[in-house]
Amino acid sequence: MTGSPPLIPTGTAVLMYHYVRPDDAPQRVGAGRMDLETFAAQLDDLSRNATIVGWPEVAAALSEGPPLPPDAVVLTFDDGHDDHHRYVLPMLAERGLPGTFFIMARDPGEGLTVAHRIHVLLALMSAAELRDAVVDALSPTDRMRCYQAEADHALDPFDDPVDDVKWVLQRDLMDVAGPIMSRMIEQLVGPEADVAQALHLDARQIRELHTAGMTLGGHTHGHRWMDWLPRAESEREIAASAAQLAALGPPRGWPFAYPYGAAPADPATLLRPAGFPAAFVATGQGRSDRYRLGRVDAEILGPTPSSHRPADLTRSDP
């Protein structure tokens, strides 16, 4: 919506976290993480130099209620990791700070999503080794699909070669790479349901986040690319999130975050009927469309995020 006024002030920083953990967390992953010391330093720096607000304040501002303060910061956490209950919740509660947690609508007993299988396996091997192991297990037809997807993506690669491998496995080859990686986890790590239990929140932990006053938001069931899914499948993914959140209490206008930050073509028609009045992507762009609100990966900011200028906090990340 070119020319539209921002729904959230341009000085507002919406920070995005995934793994927040020490080296000895219960389940190892080979994905980016924030250590607890850096996270604590960020919280203390922001508490001194900014105004940390929760989803209710953001929702009110989006609905022409009281505006957010010019130094507002919103803390968001994706994927429903055990980290968020084990480490993040106590650190927020100690400081009296709000957080918004985008949780997946799945029981750990269902196993891991394809994205999280990749994270677990990357703790044991390089991205190239993972890619080769999956390709070796593909049928000839699917192997050709892989080569074509890699060639297509080579025209517009990510900055990080690990992301290039992840892109193909969790998007173009999700249907066939997923089962292969599931078998690899069973062989190399252990029962996948046990791995998922160690990695993700269970129902009790989710209720305790809710009881502690944290905002819970939707993040689908299968953590799939919503710009890639047929509409009917996107509707089912969103409905699963709405049902999960409704079970915790009356609908309150929940926030939503797209897995991988990938918004569908017409998100409002999918999300608004399900009770989601706004949604977040995974880059710093997007402040005039309530269904494409921007965020910044907190890992890039270091221990003193308040030292970054608003222009830095709203930039687009790859």
Protein backbone atom coordinates (compact mmCIF):
# COMPACT_ATOMS: atom_id res chain seq x y z
CA MET A 1 0.00 0.00 0.00
CA THR A 2 2.37 2.66 -1.27
CA GLY A 3 1.76 6.03 0.32
CA SER A 4 -0.29 4.71 3.23
CA PRO A 5 0.65 5.91 6.71
CA PRO A 6 2.41 3.34 8.90
CA LEU A 7 0.16 1.36 11.21
CA ILE A 8 3.12 0.98 13.57
CA PRO A 9 5.50 3.93 14.02
CA THR A 10 8.73 3.58 12.08
CA GLY A 11 10.74 3.78 15.30
CA THR A 12 9.04 0.69 16.71
CA ALA A 13 11.21 -2.42 16.77
CA VAL A 14 9.48 -5.79 16.64
CA LEU A 15 12.19 -8.26 17.61
CA MET A 16 12.02 -11.92 16.58
CA TYR A 17 13.63 -14.78 18.50
CA HIS A 18 13.73 -18.52 17.86
CA TYR A 19 16.21 -20.53 19.94
CA VAL A 20 17.27 -18.85 23.20
CA ARG A 21 19.41 -21.35 25.09
CA PRO A 22 22.70 -22.37 26.67
CA ASP A 23 25.10 -24.81 25.06
CA ASP A 24 23.73 -27.69 27.12
CA ALA A 25 20.03 -27.33 26.26
CA PRO A 26 18.15 -30.66 26.41
CA GLN A 27 18.03 -31.12 22.63
CA ARG A 28 20.90 -30.00 20.42
CA VAL A 29 20.15 -28.14 17.21
CA GLY A 30 22.36 -26.90 14.42
CA ALA A 31 20.54 -23.62 13.92
CA GLY A 32 21.15 -20.06 14.94
CA ARG A 33 20.56 -19.37 18.62
CA MET A 34 20.92 -16.63 21.17
CA ASP A 35 22.81 -17.47 24.33
CA LEU A 36 21.25 -16.57 27.65
CA GLU A 37 23.84 -13.95 28.53
CA THR A 38 23.20 -12.00 25.33
CA PHE A 39 19.44 -12.33 25.77
CA ALA A 40 19.65 -11.02 29.35
CA ALA A 41 21.83 -8.14 28.18
CA GLN A 42 19.30 -7.28 25.47
CA LEU A 43 16.41 -7.30 27.94
CA ASP A 44 18.29 -5.08 30.39
CA ASP A 45 19.43 -2.68 27.66
CA LEU A 46 15.91 -2.36 26.27
CA SER A 47 14.40 -1.96 29.74
CA ARG A 48 16.72 1.01 30.34
CA ASN A 49 16.50 2.66 26.95
CA ALA A 50 13.17 1.73 25.33
CA THR A 51 9.55 0.94 26.20
CA ILE A 52 8.78 -2.76 25.88
CA VAL A 53 5.12 -3.23 24.97
CA GLY A 54 2.96 -6.32 24.54
CA TRP A 55 0.52 -7.44 21.89
CA PRO A 56 -2.51 -5.76 23.57
CA GLU A 57 -0.86 -2.35 23.11
CA VAL A 58 0.02 -3.17 19.50
CA ALA A 59 -3.51 -4.41 18.79
CA ALA A 60 -4.98 -1.23 20.25
CA ALA A 61 -2.69 0.94 18.13
CA LEU A 62 -3.69 -1.01 15.01
CA SER A 63 -7.36 -0.34 15.86
CA GLU A 64 -6.97 3.44 16.22
CA GLY A 65 -6.53 3.21 19.98
CA PRO A 66 -3.70 4.83 21.95
CA PRO A 67 -0.59 5.14 19.79
CA LEU A 68 2.56 3.25 20.67
CA PRO A 69 5.36 5.27 22.25
CA PRO A 70 8.04 6.32 19.78
CA ASP A 71 10.61 4.04 21.43
CA ALA A 72 8.34 0.96 21.57
CA VAL A 73 9.85 -2.52 21.34
CA VAL A 74 7.85 -5.74 20.94
CA LEU A 75 9.40 -9.11 21.84
CA THR A 76 8.21 -12.08 19.76
CA PHE A 77 9.23 -15.75 19.93
CA ASP A 78 8.57 -18.29 17.16
CA ASP A 79 7.99 -22.03 16.89
CA GLY A 80 6.98 -22.92 20.45
CA HIS A 81 10.36 -24.12 21.64
CA ASP A 82 10.93 -25.62 25.08
CA ASP A 83 13.49 -22.80 25.44
CA HIS A 84 10.65 -20.30 25.71
CA HIS A 85 9.23 -21.90 28.85
CA ARG A 86 12.47 -23.15 30.37
CA TYR A 87 14.62 -20.02 29.92
CA VAL A 88 12.70 -17.11 28.40
CA LEU A 89 9.60 -17.07 30.62
CA PRO A 90 11.55 -16.80 33.92
CA MET A 91 13.74 -14.03 32.50
CA LEU A 92 10.74 -12.03 31.30
CA ALA A 93 8.81 -12.61 34.54
CA GLU A 94 11.78 -11.52 36.64
CA ARG A 95 11.79 -8.18 34.81
CA GLY A 96 8.00 -7.81 34.51
CA LEU A 97 8.18 -7.79 30.70
CA PRO A 98 5.57 -8.97 28.17
CA GLY A 99 6.26 -11.37 25.33
CA THR A 100 4.33 -12.72 22.36
CA PHE A 101 4.85 -16.42 21.61
CA PHE A 102 3.88 -17.87 18.24
CA ILE A 103 3.25 -21.54 18.90
CA MET A 104 2.58 -24.42 16.54
CA ALA A 105 -0.74 -26.22 16.86
CA ARG A 106 0.74 -29.68 17.26
CA ASP A 107 1.45 -32.11 20.03
CA PRO A 108 5.10 -33.16 20.39
CA GLY A 109 3.90 -36.75 19.96
CA GLU A 110 3.23 -35.92 16.32
CA GLY A 111 6.95 -35.60 15.76
CA LEU A 112 8.93 -32.79 14.19
CA THR A 113 8.13 -30.54 11.27
CA VAL A 114 10.45 -30.76 8.28
CA ALA A 115 12.15 -27.50 9.31
CA HIS A 116 12.91 -28.82 12.77
CA ARG A 117 14.18 -32.15 11.46
CA ILE A 118 16.70 -30.10 9.53
CA HIS A 119 17.68 -28.19 12.69
CA VAL A 120 18.25 -31.41 14.65
CA LEU A 121 20.27 -33.06 11.88
CA LEU A 122 22.44 -29.98 11.36
CA ALA A 123 23.71 -30.51 14.91
CA LEU A 124 25.26 -33.75 13.62
CA MET A 125 26.41 -32.92 10.10
CA SER A 126 27.08 -30.05 7.74
CA ALA A 127 24.43 -28.72 5.40
CA ALA A 128 26.28 -30.25 2.45
CA GLU A 129 26.39 -33.65 4.17
CA LEU A 130 22.69 -33.45 4.95
CA ARG A 131 21.86 -32.49 1.39
CA ASP A 132 23.93 -35.38 -0.01
CA ALA A 133 22.40 -37.90 2.40
CA VAL A 134 18.89 -36.90 1.35
CA VAL A 135 19.74 -36.87 -2.36
CA ASP A 136 21.27 -40.36 -2.12
CA ALA A 137 18.01 -41.66 -0.66
CA LEU A 138 15.77 -40.10 -3.32
CA SER A 139 14.24 -41.98 -6.21
CA PRO A 140 15.63 -41.08 -9.66
CA THR A 141 12.56 -38.98 -10.39
CA ASP A 142 12.78 -37.06 -7.13
CA ARG A 143 16.51 -36.63 -7.56
CA MET A 144 15.83 -34.82 -10.82
CA ARG A 145 13.26 -32.67 -8.97
CA CYS A 146 15.98 -31.77 -6.49
CA TYR A 147 18.49 -30.83 -9.18
CA GLN A 148 15.90 -28.66 -10.92
CA ALA A 149 14.93 -26.93 -7.67
CA GLU A 150 18.59 -26.25 -6.90
CA ALA A 151 19.12 -24.84 -10.40
CA ASP A 152 16.07 -22.61 -10.05
CA HIS A 153 17.16 -21.34 -6.66
CA ALA A 154 20.74 -20.75 -7.89
CA LEU A 155 19.34 -17.84 -9.89
CA ASP A 156 18.47 -16.06 -6.63
CA PRO A 157 20.47 -17.65 -3.79
CA PHE A 158 20.52 -16.59 -0.15
CA ASP A 159 23.61 -15.05 1.40
CA ASP A 160 24.06 -18.14 3.56
CA PRO A 161 24.72 -21.46 1.73
CA VAL A 162 23.10 -23.33 4.65
CA ASP A 163 19.87 -21.47 3.88
CA ASP A 164 20.19 -22.50 0.24
CA VAL A 165 20.16 -26.17 1.26
CA LYS A 166 17.32 -25.67 3.74
CA TRP A 167 15.22 -23.85 1.15
CA VAL A 168 15.15 -26.79 -1.25
CA LEU A 169 14.66 -29.48 1.41
CA GLN A 170 11.88 -27.76 3.33
CA ARG A 171 10.06 -26.24 0.40
CA ASP A 172 10.44 -27.90 -3.01
CA LEU A 173 11.22 -31.38 -1.63
CA MET A 174 9.25 -31.29 1.61
CA ASP A 175 7.06 -34.24 0.64
CA VAL A 176 9.94 -36.63 -0.01
CA ALA A 177 12.78 -35.15 2.04
CA GLY A 178 10.66 -35.06 5.20
CA PRO A 179 10.27 -38.85 5.57
CA ILE A 180 13.93 -39.42 4.71
CA MET A 181 15.06 -37.02 7.43
CA SER A 182 12.62 -38.57 9.88
CA ARG A 183 14.29 -41.94 9.36
CA MET A 184 17.71 -40.32 9.77
CA ILE A 185 16.66 -38.89 13.13
CA GLU A 186 15.37 -42.27 14.29
CA GLN A 187 18.72 -43.80 13.34
CA LEU A 188 21.07 -41.06 14.57
CA VAL A 189 19.27 -39.45 17.50
CA GLY A 190 16.37 -41.56 18.73
CA PRO A 191 12.56 -41.77 18.53
CA GLU A 192 11.35 -38.64 16.81
CA ALA A 193 8.49 -38.13 19.27
CA ASP A 194 11.04 -38.02 22.10
CA VAL A 195 13.15 -35.50 20.19
CA ALA A 196 10.08 -33.33 19.59
CA GLN A 197 9.16 -33.55 23.26
CA ALA A 198 12.58 -32.24 24.22
CA LEU A 199 12.52 -29.50 21.59
CA HIS A 200 8.99 -28.11 21.79
CA LEU A 201 6.44 -26.91 24.32
CA ASP A 202 3.88 -29.37 25.59
CA ALA A 203 0.30 -28.53 26.58
CA ARG A 204 1.23 -27.85 30.21
CA GLN A 205 4.00 -25.42 29.29
CA ILE A 206 1.70 -23.60 26.86
CA ARG A 207 -0.93 -23.18 29.57
CA GLU A 208 1.70 -21.85 31.97
CA LEU A 209 2.84 -19.25 29.43
CA HIS A 210 -0.80 -18.22 29.05
CA THR A 211 -1.41 -18.14 32.81
CA ALA A 212 1.71 -16.02 33.27
CA GLY A 213 0.10 -13.34 31.10
CA MET A 214 2.11 -13.88 27.95
CA THR A 215 0.36 -13.48 24.61
CA LEU A 216 0.06 -16.62 22.49
CA GLY A 217 -0.31 -16.39 18.73
CA GLY A 218 -0.82 -18.67 15.75
CA HIS A 219 2.01 -20.27 13.78
CA THR A 220 0.15 -23.07 11.91
CA HIS A 221 0.30 -26.81 12.49
CA GLY A 222 2.95 -27.96 10.04
CA HIS A 223 5.27 -24.94 9.76
CA ARG A 224 4.87 -24.87 5.98
CA TRP A 225 5.49 -22.12 3.44
CA MET A 226 2.15 -20.34 3.17
CA ASP A 227 3.09 -18.62 -0.08
CA TRP A 228 3.55 -22.13 -1.50
CA LEU A 229 0.49 -23.96 -0.20
CA PRO A 230 -2.85 -24.37 -1.99
CA ARG A 231 -5.45 -22.15 -0.37
CA ALA A 232 -7.41 -25.05 1.14
CA GLU A 233 -4.30 -26.30 2.93
CA SER A 234 -3.52 -22.80 4.23
CA GLU A 235 -7.06 -22.60 5.59
CA ARG A 236 -6.55 -25.89 7.46
CA GLU A 237 -3.24 -24.72 8.89
CA ILE A 238 -4.80 -21.47 10.12
CA ALA A 239 -7.88 -23.25 11.49
CA ALA A 240 -5.64 -25.54 13.54
CA SER A 241 -4.01 -22.50 15.16
CA ALA A 242 -7.36 -20.84 15.83
CA ALA A 243 -8.73 -24.00 17.48
CA GLN A 244 -5.64 -24.37 19.65
CA LEU A 245 -5.84 -20.79 20.89
CA ALA A 246 -9.61 -20.86 21.38
CA ALA A 247 -9.17 -23.81 23.74
CA LEU A 248 -7.21 -21.54 26.07
CA GLY A 249 -10.04 -19.02 26.43
CA PRO A 250 -12.41 -16.74 24.55
CA PRO A 251 -11.09 -15.30 21.28
CA ARG A 252 -9.18 -12.08 21.91
CA GLY A 253 -7.93 -11.18 18.46
CA TRP A 254 -4.79 -13.28 18.35
CA PRO A 255 -1.68 -12.28 16.41
CA PHE A 256 -0.27 -14.61 13.76
CA ALA A 257 3.24 -15.16 12.39
CA TYR A 258 3.88 -16.84 9.04
CA PRO A 259 6.37 -19.71 9.13
CA TYR A 260 9.55 -18.52 7.38
CA GLY A 261 7.84 -15.12 7.16
CA ALA A 262 6.15 -16.27 3.94
CA ALA A 263 2.78 -14.54 3.61
CA PRO A 264 0.18 -15.88 1.17
CA ALA A 265 -1.04 -13.73 -1.68
CA ASP A 266 -4.18 -12.47 0.07
CA PRO A 267 -3.61 -13.04 3.79
CA ALA A 268 -6.50 -10.95 5.10
CA THR A 269 -9.12 -13.19 3.50
CA LEU A 270 -7.52 -16.21 5.16
CA LEU A 271 -6.70 -14.84 8.60
CA ARG A 272 -9.45 -12.36 9.42
CA PRO A 273 -12.32 -14.93 9.34
CA ALA A 274 -10.30 -17.18 11.67
CA GLY A 275 -9.94 -14.44 14.30
CA PHE A 276 -6.47 -13.13 13.49
CA PRO A 277 -6.57 -9.33 13.02
CA ALA A 278 -2.88 -8.95 12.13
CA ALA A 279 0.16 -11.00 11.18
CA PHE A 280 3.94 -10.70 11.16
CA VAL A 281 6.48 -11.52 8.50
CA ALA A 282 10.20 -12.09 9.14
CA THR A 283 11.81 -9.01 7.63
CA GLY A 284 11.92 -5.40 8.74
CA GLN A 285 9.69 -4.19 5.93
CA GLY A 286 5.93 -3.81 6.12
CA ARG A 287 4.28 -1.22 8.37
CA SER A 288 1.20 -0.13 6.40
CA ASP A 289 -0.36 -3.57 5.95
CA ARG A 290 -1.62 -5.17 9.17
CA TYR A 291 -1.15 -8.64 7.66
CA ARG A 292 2.50 -8.03 6.74
CA LEU A 293 3.93 -6.35 9.82
CA GLY A 294 7.71 -6.36 9.83
CA ARG A 295 10.12 -7.83 12.38
CA VAL A 296 13.87 -7.89 12.93
CA ASP A 297 15.91 -10.98 13.82
CA ALA A 298 17.24 -10.14 17.29
CA GLU A 299 20.41 -12.16 16.67
CA ILE A 300 21.79 -9.47 14.37
CA LEU A 301 21.56 -6.77 17.06
CA GLY A 302 23.94 -8.08 19.72
CA PRO A 303 23.62 -7.27 23.42
CA THR A 304 22.66 -3.60 22.95
CA PRO A 305 19.79 -3.42 20.44
CA SER A 306 18.78 0.06 21.61
CA SER A 307 21.98 1.43 20.07
CA HIS A 308 20.64 0.70 16.60
CA ARG A 309 18.87 3.52 14.82
CA PRO A 310 15.25 3.02 13.66
CA ALA A 311 16.49 2.82 10.08
CA ASP A 312 18.61 -0.17 11.08
CA LEU A 313 15.74 -1.82 12.90
CA THR A 314 13.37 -1.60 9.97
CA ARG A 315 15.67 -2.83 7.23
CA SER A 316 14.81 -5.88 5.17
CA ASP A 317 16.80 -9.02 5.91
CA PRO A 318 17.50 -11.76 3.32
